[in-house]
Amino acid sequence: MSDPLASLVKKIDDTVHAASGKYVPGQKLGVFVIMPDSPGLADQLRGLAKSESLRHVNLAIGAAPPRYEVNPAADMTVVIYTPGRPGQNVVRANFAVRECQLDETMSDEIVAALANVLPK
């Protein structure tokens, strides 16, 4: 697990946590970081979730629902969708990322897109 990825996931989690008391109970706020499967990845993701004490980010391996429009050539895809009742969420941002492209600028762009869907 790269440092830029760990840093991004932590920023996302902190951003969602800051808004967690501002949306209606029962609504689900969606942020998924989706990666294709590789040997040892599940253990790495569990380790990341534990070491960063993630509360609001879903780390997923494998195929995503078609509506997420995941790019199969990406090393990971970050999908951000609106808070709402399950099944009524709308995808608002989708970032297909190669790990070598993930830097502070791209991380800030992803977090800014997330901030746009969070309640103020």
C-alpha atoms as a PDB file:
ATOM      1  CA  MET A   1       0.000   0.000   0.000  1.00  0.00           C
ATOM      2  CA  SER A   2       1.576   3.272  -1.097  1.00  0.00           C
ATOM      3  CA  ASP A   3       1.922   6.303   1.152  1.00  0.00           C
ATOM      4  CA  PRO A   4      -0.036   8.525  -1.290  1.00  0.00           C
ATOM      5  CA  LEU A   5      -2.945   6.064  -1.226  1.00  0.00           C
ATOM      6  CA  ALA A   6      -2.915   5.800   2.562  1.00  0.00           C
ATOM      7  CA  SER A   7      -2.797   9.592   2.795  1.00  0.00           C
ATOM      8  CA  LEU A   8      -5.731   9.992   0.371  1.00  0.00           C
ATOM      9  CA  VAL A   9      -7.887   7.454   2.187  1.00  0.00           C
ATOM     10  CA  LYS A  10      -7.210   9.164   5.521  1.00  0.00           C
ATOM     11  CA  LYS A  11      -8.074  12.607   4.065  1.00  0.00           C
ATOM     12  CA  ILE A  12     -11.329  11.228   2.677  1.00  0.00           C
ATOM     13  CA  ASP A  13     -12.220   9.605   5.974  1.00  0.00           C
ATOM     14  CA  ASP A  14     -11.484  12.791   7.945  1.00  0.00           C
ATOM     15  CA  THR A  15     -13.527  14.904   5.515  1.00  0.00           C
ATOM     16  CA  VAL A  16     -16.550  12.612   5.771  1.00  0.00           C
ATOM     17  CA  HIS A  17     -16.205  12.384   9.542  1.00  0.00           C
ATOM     18  CA  ALA A  18     -16.268  16.189   9.845  1.00  0.00           C
ATOM     19  CA  ALA A  19     -19.680  16.215   8.121  1.00  0.00           C
ATOM     20  CA  SER A  20     -21.058  13.051   9.714  1.00  0.00           C
ATOM     21  CA  GLY A  21     -23.449  14.852  12.068  1.00  0.00           C
ATOM     22  CA  LYS A  22     -24.884  17.046   9.310  1.00  0.00           C
ATOM     23  CA  TYR A  23     -26.849  14.608   7.220  1.00  0.00           C
ATOM     24  CA  VAL A  24     -30.140  12.883   7.990  1.00  0.00           C
ATOM     25  CA  PRO A  25     -29.982   9.642   9.984  1.00  0.00           C
ATOM     26  CA  GLY A  26     -30.542   6.683   7.696  1.00  0.00           C
ATOM     27  CA  GLN A  27     -28.779   8.320   4.783  1.00  0.00           C
ATOM     28  CA  LYS A  28     -25.711   6.598   3.455  1.00  0.00           C
ATOM     29  CA  LEU A  29     -22.792   8.671   2.327  1.00  0.00           C
ATOM     30  CA  GLY A  30     -20.831   6.853  -0.272  1.00  0.00           C
ATOM     31  CA  VAL A  31     -17.145   6.895  -0.848  1.00  0.00           C
ATOM     32  CA  PHE A  32     -15.616   3.777  -2.297  1.00  0.00           C
ATOM     33  CA  VAL A  33     -12.017   3.158  -3.192  1.00  0.00           C
ATOM     34  CA  ILE A  34     -12.160   0.179  -5.549  1.00  0.00           C
ATOM     35  CA  MET A  35      -9.165  -1.827  -6.698  1.00  0.00           C
ATOM     36  CA  PRO A  36      -8.720  -4.944  -8.804  1.00  0.00           C
ATOM     37  CA  ASP A  37      -7.756  -8.007  -6.800  1.00  0.00           C
ATOM     38  CA  SER A  38      -4.133  -9.013  -6.371  1.00  0.00           C
ATOM     39  CA  PRO A  39      -2.370 -11.411  -3.984  1.00  0.00           C
ATOM     40  CA  GLY A  40      -2.288 -10.044  -0.448  1.00  0.00           C
ATOM     41  CA  LEU A  41      -4.430  -7.003  -1.226  1.00  0.00           C
ATOM     42  CA  ALA A  42      -7.228  -7.921   1.195  1.00  0.00           C
ATOM     43  CA  ASP A  43      -4.763  -8.106   4.086  1.00  0.00           C
ATOM     44  CA  GLN A  44      -3.180  -4.800   3.025  1.00  0.00           C
ATOM     45  CA  LEU A  45      -6.575  -3.082   2.956  1.00  0.00           C
ATOM     46  CA  ARG A  46      -7.528  -4.492   6.350  1.00  0.00           C
ATOM     47  CA  GLY A  47      -4.202  -3.260   7.697  1.00  0.00           C
ATOM     48  CA  LEU A  48      -4.777   0.188   6.211  1.00  0.00           C
ATOM     49  CA  ALA A  49      -8.288   0.407   7.667  1.00  0.00           C
ATOM     50  CA  LYS A  50      -6.978  -0.584  11.077  1.00  0.00           C
ATOM     51  CA  SER A  51      -3.818   1.560  11.110  1.00  0.00           C
ATOM     52  CA  GLU A  52      -5.710   4.654   9.937  1.00  0.00           C
ATOM     53  CA  SER A  53      -8.793   3.918  12.104  1.00  0.00           C
ATOM     54  CA  LEU A  54     -11.086   4.386   9.110  1.00  0.00           C
ATOM     55  CA  ARG A  55     -14.702   5.123   9.989  1.00  0.00           C
ATOM     56  CA  HIS A  56     -16.395   6.183   6.763  1.00  0.00           C
ATOM     57  CA  VAL A  57     -14.483   4.894   3.738  1.00  0.00           C
ATOM     58  CA  ASN A  58     -15.278   1.595   2.084  1.00  0.00           C
ATOM     59  CA  LEU A  59     -12.267  -0.176   0.625  1.00  0.00           C
ATOM     60  CA  ALA A  60     -13.410  -2.686  -1.953  1.00  0.00           C
ATOM     61  CA  ILE A  61     -11.769  -5.302  -4.139  1.00  0.00           C
ATOM     62  CA  GLY A  62     -13.174  -6.514  -7.417  1.00  0.00           C
ATOM     63  CA  ALA A  63     -16.047  -5.571  -9.654  1.00  0.00           C
ATOM     64  CA  ALA A  64     -18.203  -2.563  -8.917  1.00  0.00           C
ATOM     65  CA  PRO A  65     -21.793  -1.988 -10.000  1.00  0.00           C
ATOM     66  CA  PRO A  66     -21.961  -0.854 -13.665  1.00  0.00           C
ATOM     67  CA  ARG A  67     -23.361   2.558 -12.670  1.00  0.00           C
ATOM     68  CA  TYR A  68     -20.013   3.364 -11.020  1.00  0.00           C
ATOM     69  CA  GLU A  69     -18.379   3.326 -14.481  1.00  0.00           C
ATOM     70  CA  VAL A  70     -15.118   1.872 -13.163  1.00  0.00           C
ATOM     71  CA  ASN A  71     -12.273   1.982 -15.671  1.00  0.00           C
ATOM     72  CA  PRO A  72     -10.794  -1.536 -15.849  1.00  0.00           C
ATOM     73  CA  ALA A  73      -7.359  -0.106 -16.742  1.00  0.00           C
ATOM     74  CA  ALA A  74      -7.180   1.931 -13.526  1.00  0.00           C
ATOM     75  CA  ASP A  75      -5.175   0.780 -10.523  1.00  0.00           C
ATOM     76  CA  MET A  76      -7.978   2.141  -8.375  1.00  0.00           C
ATOM     77  CA  THR A  77     -11.204   4.060  -8.776  1.00  0.00           C
ATOM     78  CA  VAL A  78     -12.618   6.514  -6.256  1.00  0.00           C
ATOM     79  CA  VAL A  79     -16.401   6.834  -6.530  1.00  0.00           C
ATOM     80  CA  ILE A  80     -18.237   9.586  -4.649  1.00  0.00           C
ATOM     81  CA  TYR A  81     -21.994   9.626  -4.502  1.00  0.00           C
ATOM     82  CA  THR A  82     -24.595  11.788  -2.836  1.00  0.00           C
ATOM     83  CA  PRO A  83     -25.904  11.111   0.646  1.00  0.00           C
ATOM     84  CA  GLY A  84     -29.317   9.513   0.509  1.00  0.00           C
ATOM     85  CA  ARG A  85     -31.292   6.394   1.083  1.00  0.00           C
ATOM     86  CA  PRO A  86     -29.725   3.238  -0.322  1.00  0.00           C
ATOM     87  CA  GLY A  87     -30.640   2.892  -3.992  1.00  0.00           C
ATOM     88  CA  GLN A  88     -31.358   6.610  -4.346  1.00  0.00           C
ATOM     89  CA  ASN A  89     -27.738   7.749  -4.355  1.00  0.00           C
ATOM     90  CA  VAL A  90     -26.339   9.426  -7.458  1.00  0.00           C
ATOM     91  CA  VAL A  91     -22.699   9.142  -8.494  1.00  0.00           C
ATOM     92  CA  ARG A  92     -21.270  12.690  -8.482  1.00  0.00           C
ATOM     93  CA  ALA A  93     -17.595  12.019  -9.125  1.00  0.00           C
ATOM     94  CA  ASN A  94     -15.540   9.138 -10.412  1.00  0.00           C
ATOM     95  CA  PHE A  95     -11.740   9.171 -10.453  1.00  0.00           C
ATOM     96  CA  ALA A  96      -9.897   6.429 -12.317  1.00  0.00           C
ATOM     97  CA  VAL A  97      -6.320   6.551 -11.073  1.00  0.00           C
ATOM     98  CA  ARG A  98      -3.066   4.824 -11.865  1.00  0.00           C
ATOM     99  CA  GLU A  99      -1.040   4.606  -8.682  1.00  0.00           C
ATOM    100  CA  CYS A 100       1.875   6.473 -10.295  1.00  0.00           C
ATOM    101  CA  GLN A 101      -0.489   9.428 -10.928  1.00  0.00           C
ATOM    102  CA  LEU A 102      -1.659   9.735  -7.339  1.00  0.00           C
ATOM    103  CA  ASP A 103      -0.009  12.787  -5.852  1.00  0.00           C
ATOM    104  CA  GLU A 104      -0.987  15.619  -3.511  1.00  0.00           C
ATOM    105  CA  THR A 105      -2.682  17.595  -6.314  1.00  0.00           C
ATOM    106  CA  MET A 106      -4.880  14.674  -7.377  1.00  0.00           C
ATOM    107  CA  SER A 107      -5.660  13.849  -3.721  1.00  0.00           C
ATOM    108  CA  ASP A 108      -6.779  17.444  -3.161  1.00  0.00           C
ATOM    109  CA  GLU A 109      -8.962  17.277  -6.298  1.00  0.00           C
ATOM    110  CA  ILE A 110     -10.658  14.105  -5.029  1.00  0.00           C
ATOM    111  CA  VAL A 111     -11.233  15.563  -1.558  1.00  0.00           C
ATOM    112  CA  ALA A 112     -12.645  18.772  -3.103  1.00  0.00           C
ATOM    113  CA  ALA A 113     -15.120  16.720  -5.165  1.00  0.00           C
ATOM    114  CA  LEU A 114     -16.154  14.934  -1.986  1.00  0.00           C
ATOM    115  CA  ALA A 115     -16.612  18.229  -0.131  1.00  0.00           C
ATOM    116  CA  ASN A 116     -19.017  19.352  -2.882  1.00  0.00           C
ATOM    117  CA  VAL A 117     -21.504  16.567  -2.076  1.00  0.00           C
ATOM    118  CA  LEU A 118     -21.298  16.804   1.711  1.00  0.00           C
ATOM    119  CA  PRO A 119     -23.850  18.800   3.673  1.00  0.00           C
ATOM    120  CA  LYS A 120     -22.555  22.215   4.698  1.00  0.00           C
END
